[in-house]
Amino acid sequence: EFKTFANRDMILPDIGIPHHLICKAI
């Protein structure tokens, strides 16, 4: 049922890397 659970939660929205481009990371 991967489609229902396809996304990861990285705990922090920027995984602790303070730059707006990090949201483009896989």
PDB file of all heavy atoms in Angstrom:
ATOM      1  N   GLU A   1       0.845  -1.205   0.000  1.00  0.00           N
ATOM      2  CA  GLU A   1       0.000   0.000   0.000  1.00  0.00           C
ATOM      3  C   GLU A   1       0.876   1.250   0.000  1.00  0.00           C
ATOM      4  O   GLU A   1       0.556   2.255   0.646  1.00  0.00           O
ATOM      5  CB  GLU A   1      -0.932  -0.012   1.233  1.00  0.00           C
ATOM      6  CG  GLU A   1      -1.887  -1.174   1.281  1.00  0.00           C
ATOM      7  CD  GLU A   1      -2.947  -1.104   0.183  1.00  0.00           C
ATOM      8  OE1 GLU A   1      -3.197   0.010  -0.316  1.00  0.00           O
ATOM      9  OE2 GLU A   1      -3.510  -2.162  -0.160  1.00  0.00           O
ATOM     10  N   PHE A   2       1.961   1.176  -0.745  1.00  0.00           N
ATOM     11  CA  PHE A   2       2.955   2.256  -0.746  1.00  0.00           C
ATOM     12  C   PHE A   2       2.346   3.612  -1.097  1.00  0.00           C
ATOM     13  O   PHE A   2       2.737   4.641  -0.556  1.00  0.00           O
ATOM     14  CB  PHE A   2       4.082   1.911  -1.731  1.00  0.00           C
ATOM     15  CG  PHE A   2       5.082   3.017  -1.904  1.00  0.00           C
ATOM     16  CD1 PHE A   2       6.012   3.289  -0.912  1.00  0.00           C
ATOM     17  CD2 PHE A   2       5.092   3.794  -3.056  1.00  0.00           C
ATOM     18  CE1 PHE A   2       6.933   4.319  -1.062  1.00  0.00           C
ATOM     19  CE2 PHE A   2       6.009   4.818  -3.221  1.00  0.00           C
ATOM     20  CZ  PHE A   2       6.936   5.075  -2.215  1.00  0.00           C
ATOM     21  N   LYS A   3       1.366   3.643  -2.003  1.00  0.00           N
ATOM     22  CA  LYS A   3       0.769   4.911  -2.440  1.00  0.00           C
ATOM     23  C   LYS A   3       0.198   5.714  -1.277  1.00  0.00           C
ATOM     24  O   LYS A   3       0.237   6.938  -1.273  1.00  0.00           O
ATOM     25  CB  LYS A   3      -0.327   4.659  -3.482  1.00  0.00           C
ATOM     26  CG  LYS A   3       0.207   4.285  -4.849  1.00  0.00           C
ATOM     27  CD  LYS A   3      -0.930   4.168  -5.853  1.00  0.00           C
ATOM     28  CE  LYS A   3      -0.384   3.851  -7.242  1.00  0.00           C
ATOM     29  NZ  LYS A   3      -1.479   3.735  -8.248  1.00  0.00           N
ATOM     30  N   THR A   4      -0.331   5.013  -0.296  1.00  0.00           N
ATOM     31  CA  THR A   4      -0.906   5.686   0.870  1.00  0.00           C
ATOM     32  C   THR A   4       0.176   6.170   1.829  1.00  0.00           C
ATOM     33  O   THR A   4      -0.063   7.086   2.619  1.00  0.00           O
ATOM     34  CB  THR A   4      -1.874   4.737   1.612  1.00  0.00           C
ATOM     35  OG1 THR A   4      -2.830   4.234   0.679  1.00  0.00           O
ATOM     36  CG2 THR A   4      -2.610   5.439   2.738  1.00  0.00           C
ATOM     37  N   PHE A   5       1.373   5.567   1.738  1.00  0.00           N
ATOM     38  CA  PHE A   5       2.450   5.897   2.668  1.00  0.00           C
ATOM     39  C   PHE A   5       3.733   6.258   1.902  1.00  0.00           C
ATOM     40  O   PHE A   5       4.831   5.891   2.304  1.00  0.00           O
ATOM     41  CB  PHE A   5       2.726   4.711   3.591  1.00  0.00           C
ATOM     42  CG  PHE A   5       1.537   4.272   4.400  1.00  0.00           C
ATOM     43  CD1 PHE A   5       0.673   3.293   3.923  1.00  0.00           C
ATOM     44  CD2 PHE A   5       1.265   4.848   5.626  1.00  0.00           C
ATOM     45  CE1 PHE A   5      -0.429   2.879   4.662  1.00  0.00           C
ATOM     46  CE2 PHE A   5       0.158   4.441   6.376  1.00  0.00           C
ATOM     47  CZ  PHE A   5      -0.691   3.458   5.890  1.00  0.00           C
ATOM     48  N   ALA A   6       3.580   6.987   0.805  1.00  0.00           N
ATOM     49  CA  ALA A   6       4.714   7.227  -0.100  1.00  0.00           C
ATOM     50  C   ALA A   6       5.716   8.243   0.416  1.00  0.00           C
ATOM     51  O   ALA A   6       6.877   8.233   0.006  1.00  0.00           O
ATOM     52  CB  ALA A   6       4.195   7.672  -1.472  1.00  0.00           C
ATOM     53  N   ASN A   7       5.301   9.117   1.325  1.00  0.00           N
ATOM     54  CA  ASN A   7       6.161  10.230   1.727  1.00  0.00           C
ATOM     55  C   ASN A   7       6.826   9.984   3.076  1.00  0.00           C
ATOM     56  O   ASN A   7       6.280   9.317   3.946  1.00  0.00           O
ATOM     57  CB  ASN A   7       5.351  11.529   1.776  1.00  0.00           C
ATOM     58  CG  ASN A   7       4.776  11.881   0.417  1.00  0.00           C
ATOM     59  OD1 ASN A   7       5.425  11.684  -0.605  1.00  0.00           O
ATOM     60  ND2 ASN A   7       3.546  12.383   0.398  1.00  0.00           N
ATOM     61  N   ARG A   8       8.007  10.564   3.221  1.00  0.00           N
ATOM     62  CA  ARG A   8       8.761  10.454   4.468  1.00  0.00           C
ATOM     63  C   ARG A   8       8.547  11.688   5.325  1.00  0.00           C
ATOM     64  O   ARG A   8       8.278  12.776   4.817  1.00  0.00           O
ATOM     65  CB  ARG A   8      10.264  10.302   4.184  1.00  0.00           C
ATOM     66  CG  ARG A   8      10.645   9.000   3.537  1.00  0.00           C
ATOM     67  CD  ARG A   8      12.141   8.929   3.322  1.00  0.00           C
ATOM     68  NE  ARG A   8      12.875   8.935   4.584  1.00  0.00           N
ATOM     69  CZ  ARG A   8      14.202   8.990   4.670  1.00  0.00           C
ATOM     70  NH1 ARG A   8      14.933   9.040   3.578  1.00  0.00           N
ATOM     71  NH2 ARG A   8      14.800   8.992   5.840  1.00  0.00           N
ATOM     72  N   ASP A   9       8.688  11.508   6.620  1.00  0.00           N
ATOM     73  CA  ASP A   9       8.682  12.638   7.552  1.00  0.00           C
ATOM     74  C   ASP A   9      10.109  12.794   8.067  1.00  0.00           C
ATOM     75  O   ASP A   9      10.644  11.900   8.718  1.00  0.00           O
ATOM     76  CB  ASP A   9       7.720  12.356   8.717  1.00  0.00           C
ATOM     77  CG  ASP A   9       7.577  13.549   9.650  1.00  0.00           C
ATOM     78  OD1 ASP A   9       8.476  14.408   9.655  1.00  0.00           O
ATOM     79  OD2 ASP A   9       6.572  13.622  10.364  1.00  0.00           O
ATOM     80  N   MET A  10      10.727  13.935   7.760  1.00  0.00           N
ATOM     81  CA  MET A  10      12.121  14.149   8.126  1.00  0.00           C
ATOM     82  C   MET A  10      12.273  14.820   9.493  1.00  0.00           C
ATOM     83  O   MET A  10      13.329  15.344   9.827  1.00  0.00           O
ATOM     84  CB  MET A  10      12.824  14.984   7.055  1.00  0.00           C
ATOM     85  CG  MET A  10      12.787  14.356   5.665  1.00  0.00           C
ATOM     86  SD  MET A  10      13.460  12.678   5.608  1.00  0.00           S
ATOM     87  CE  MET A  10      15.186  12.993   5.983  1.00  0.00           C
ATOM     88  N   ILE A  11      11.197  14.829  10.288  1.00  0.00           N
ATOM     89  CA  ILE A  11      11.156  15.411  11.627  1.00  0.00           C
ATOM     90  C   ILE A  11      11.239  16.938  11.572  1.00  0.00           C
ATOM     91  O   ILE A  11      10.402  17.639  12.112  1.00  0.00           O
ATOM     92  CB  ILE A  11      12.262  14.835  12.550  1.00  0.00           C
ATOM     93  CG1 ILE A  11      12.180  13.304  12.543  1.00  0.00           C
ATOM     94  CG2 ILE A  11      12.119  15.373  13.971  1.00  0.00           C
ATOM     95  CD1 ILE A  11      10.857  12.728  12.961  1.00  0.00           C
ATOM     96  N   LEU A  12      12.281  17.468  10.898  1.00  0.00           N
ATOM     97  CA  LEU A  12      12.369  18.909  10.652  1.00  0.00           C
ATOM     98  C   LEU A  12      12.053  19.175   9.184  1.00  0.00           C
ATOM     99  O   LEU A  12      12.495  18.423   8.313  1.00  0.00           O
ATOM    100  CB  LEU A  12      13.764  19.437  10.977  1.00  0.00           C
ATOM    101  CG  LEU A  12      14.156  19.495  12.451  1.00  0.00           C
ATOM    102  CD1 LEU A  12      15.600  19.972  12.591  1.00  0.00           C
ATOM    103  CD2 LEU A  12      13.239  20.413  13.232  1.00  0.00           C
ATOM    104  N   PRO A  13      11.322  20.246   8.876  1.00  0.00           N
ATOM    105  CA  PRO A  13      10.933  20.499   7.476  1.00  0.00           C
ATOM    106  C   PRO A  13      12.117  20.771   6.556  1.00  0.00           C
ATOM    107  O   PRO A  13      11.995  20.631   5.345  1.00  0.00           O
ATOM    108  CB  PRO A  13      10.026  21.729   7.584  1.00  0.00           C
ATOM    109  CG  PRO A  13      10.385  22.386   8.874  1.00  0.00           C
ATOM    110  CD  PRO A  13      10.785  21.270   9.791  1.00  0.00           C
ATOM    111  N   ASP A  14      13.268  21.153   7.142  1.00  0.00           N
ATOM    112  CA  ASP A  14      14.461  21.411   6.317  1.00  0.00           C
ATOM    113  C   ASP A  14      15.604  20.469   6.687  1.00  0.00           C
ATOM    114  O   ASP A  14      16.750  20.729   6.353  1.00  0.00           O
ATOM    115  CB  ASP A  14      14.922  22.865   6.468  1.00  0.00           C
ATOM    116  CG  ASP A  14      15.203  23.252   7.923  1.00  0.00           C
ATOM    117  OD1 ASP A  14      15.091  22.373   8.797  1.00  0.00           O
ATOM    118  OD2 ASP A  14      15.518  24.417   8.180  1.00  0.00           O
ATOM    119  N   ILE A  15      15.271  19.380   7.386  1.00  0.00           N
ATOM    120  CA  ILE A  15      16.230  18.388   7.906  1.00  0.00           C
ATOM    121  C   ILE A  15      17.464  19.030   8.544  1.00  0.00           C
ATOM    122  O   ILE A  15      18.554  18.463   8.547  1.00  0.00           O
ATOM    123  CB  ILE A  15      16.664  17.358   6.834  1.00  0.00           C
ATOM    124  CG1 ILE A  15      17.308  18.005   5.605  1.00  0.00           C
ATOM    125  CG2 ILE A  15      15.513  16.487   6.446  1.00  0.00           C
ATOM    126  CD1 ILE A  15      17.892  17.001   4.623  1.00  0.00           C
ATOM    127  N   GLY A  16      17.282  20.230   9.106  1.00  0.00           N
ATOM    128  CA  GLY A  16      18.377  20.899   9.801  1.00  0.00           C
ATOM    129  C   GLY A  16      19.356  21.610   8.894  1.00  0.00           C
ATOM    130  O   GLY A  16      20.387  22.091   9.367  1.00  0.00           O
ATOM    131  N   ILE A  17      19.061  21.680   7.585  1.00  0.00           N
ATOM    132  CA  ILE A  17      19.934  22.384   6.637  1.00  0.00           C
ATOM    133  C   ILE A  17      19.256  23.703   6.273  1.00  0.00           C
ATOM    134  O   ILE A  17      18.261  23.713   5.538  1.00  0.00           O
ATOM    135  CB  ILE A  17      20.202  21.544   5.381  1.00  0.00           C
ATOM    136  CG1 ILE A  17      20.934  20.254   5.767  1.00  0.00           C
ATOM    137  CG2 ILE A  17      21.013  22.328   4.353  1.00  0.00           C
ATOM    138  CD1 ILE A  17      21.195  19.300   4.612  1.00  0.00           C
ATOM    139  N   PRO A  18      19.748  24.834   6.782  1.00  0.00           N
ATOM    140  CA  PRO A  18      19.037  26.106   6.661  1.00  0.00           C
ATOM    141  C   PRO A  18      19.201  26.788   5.301  1.00  0.00           C
ATOM    142  O   PRO A  18      19.879  27.814   5.174  1.00  0.00           O
ATOM    143  CB  PRO A  18      19.661  26.958   7.781  1.00  0.00           C
ATOM    144  CG  PRO A  18      21.053  26.442   7.902  1.00  0.00           C
ATOM    145  CD  PRO A  18      20.976  24.972   7.597  1.00  0.00           C
ATOM    146  N   HIS A  19      18.581  26.213   4.277  1.00  0.00           N
ATOM    147  CA  HIS A  19      18.608  26.817   2.951  1.00  0.00           C
ATOM    148  C   HIS A  19      17.343  26.406   2.204  1.00  0.00           C
ATOM    149  O   HIS A  19      16.928  25.238   2.271  1.00  0.00           O
ATOM    150  CB  HIS A  19      19.853  26.373   2.178  1.00  0.00           C
ATOM    151  CG  HIS A  19      20.146  27.225   0.985  1.00  0.00           C
ATOM    152  ND1 HIS A  19      19.463  27.097  -0.202  1.00  0.00           N
ATOM    153  CD2 HIS A  19      21.050  28.229   0.795  1.00  0.00           C
ATOM    154  CE1 HIS A  19      19.937  27.974  -1.077  1.00  0.00           C
ATOM    155  NE2 HIS A  19      20.892  28.677  -0.502  1.00  0.00           N
ATOM    156  N   HIS A  20      16.738  27.358   1.460  1.00  0.00           N
ATOM    157  CA  HIS A  20      15.448  27.080   0.826  1.00  0.00           C
ATOM    158  C   HIS A  20      15.525  25.996  -0.245  1.00  0.00           C
ATOM    159  O   HIS A  20      14.537  25.317  -0.526  1.00  0.00           O
ATOM    160  CB  HIS A  20      14.871  28.373   0.225  1.00  0.00           C
ATOM    161  CG  HIS A  20      15.626  28.890  -0.961  1.00  0.00           C
ATOM    162  ND1 HIS A  20      16.796  29.621  -0.840  1.00  0.00           N
ATOM    163  CD2 HIS A  20      15.396  28.774  -2.302  1.00  0.00           C
ATOM    164  CE1 HIS A  20      17.245  29.942  -2.040  1.00  0.00           C
ATOM    165  NE2 HIS A  20      16.421  29.435  -2.943  1.00  0.00           N
ATOM    166  N   LEU A  21      16.706  25.779  -0.841  1.00  0.00           N
ATOM    167  CA  LEU A  21      16.818  24.787  -1.914  1.00  0.00           C
ATOM    168  C   LEU A  21      16.775  23.350  -1.412  1.00  0.00           C
ATOM    169  O   LEU A  21      16.547  22.430  -2.199  1.00  0.00           O
ATOM    170  CB  LEU A  21      18.100  25.004  -2.721  1.00  0.00           C
ATOM    171  CG  LEU A  21      18.117  26.168  -3.711  1.00  0.00           C
ATOM    172  CD1 LEU A  21      19.389  26.128  -4.547  1.00  0.00           C
ATOM    173  CD2 LEU A  21      16.890  26.146  -4.611  1.00  0.00           C
ATOM    174  N   ILE A  22      16.995  23.144  -0.114  1.00  0.00           N
ATOM    175  CA  ILE A  22      17.049  21.771   0.380  1.00  0.00           C
ATOM    176  C   ILE A  22      15.711  21.055   0.166  1.00  0.00           C
ATOM    177  O   ILE A  22      15.658  19.818   0.082  1.00  0.00           O
ATOM    178  CB  ILE A  22      17.451  21.728   1.880  1.00  0.00           C
ATOM    179  CG1 ILE A  22      17.913  20.311   2.268  1.00  0.00           C
ATOM    180  CG2 ILE A  22      16.343  22.219   2.773  1.00  0.00           C
ATOM    181  CD1 ILE A  22      19.113  19.806   1.506  1.00  0.00           C
ATOM    182  N   CYS A  23      14.620  21.813   0.029  1.00  0.00           N
ATOM    183  CA  CYS A  23      13.315  21.190  -0.220  1.00  0.00           C
ATOM    184  C   CYS A  23      13.269  20.488  -1.574  1.00  0.00           C
ATOM    185  O   CYS A  23      12.360  19.701  -1.846  1.00  0.00           O
ATOM    186  CB  CYS A  23      12.200  22.218  -0.119  1.00  0.00           C
ATOM    187  SG  CYS A  23      12.259  23.490  -1.388  1.00  0.00           S
ATOM    188  N   LYS A  24      14.271  20.756  -2.443  1.00  0.00           N
ATOM    189  CA  LYS A  24      14.350  20.099  -3.752  1.00  0.00           C
ATOM    190  C   LYS A  24      15.044  18.745  -3.666  1.00  0.00           C
ATOM    191  O   LYS A  24      15.094  18.004  -4.652  1.00  0.00           O
ATOM    192  CB  LYS A  24      15.121  20.980  -4.741  1.00  0.00           C
ATOM    193  CG  LYS A  24      14.554  22.380  -4.934  1.00  0.00           C
ATOM    194  CD  LYS A  24      13.308  22.366  -5.782  1.00  0.00           C
ATOM    195  CE  LYS A  24      12.823  23.769  -6.097  1.00  0.00           C
ATOM    196  NZ  LYS A  24      11.583  23.768  -6.893  1.00  0.00           N
ATOM    197  N   ALA A  25      15.603  18.422  -2.493  1.00  0.00           N
ATOM    198  CA  ALA A  25      16.306  17.149  -2.323  1.00  0.00           C
ATOM    199  C   ALA A  25      15.312  15.997  -2.281  1.00  0.00           C
ATOM    200  O   ALA A  25      14.178  16.145  -1.812  1.00  0.00           O
ATOM    201  CB  ALA A  25      17.147  17.169  -1.054  1.00  0.00           C
ATOM    202  N   ILE A  26      15.724  14.850  -2.736  1.00  0.00           N
ATOM    203  CA  ILE A  26      14.816  13.717  -2.913  1.00  0.00           C
ATOM    204  C   ILE A  26      14.139  13.280  -1.614  1.00  0.00           C
ATOM    205  O   ILE A  26      12.969  12.914  -1.615  1.00  0.00           O
ATOM    206  CB  ILE A  26      15.560  12.522  -3.570  1.00  0.00           C
ATOM    207  CG1 ILE A  26      14.561  11.419  -3.925  1.00  0.00           C
ATOM    208  CG2 ILE A  26      16.707  12.023  -2.708  1.00  0.00           C
ATOM    209  CD1 ILE A  26      15.157  10.317  -4.768  1.00  0.00           C
TER     210      ILE A  26
END
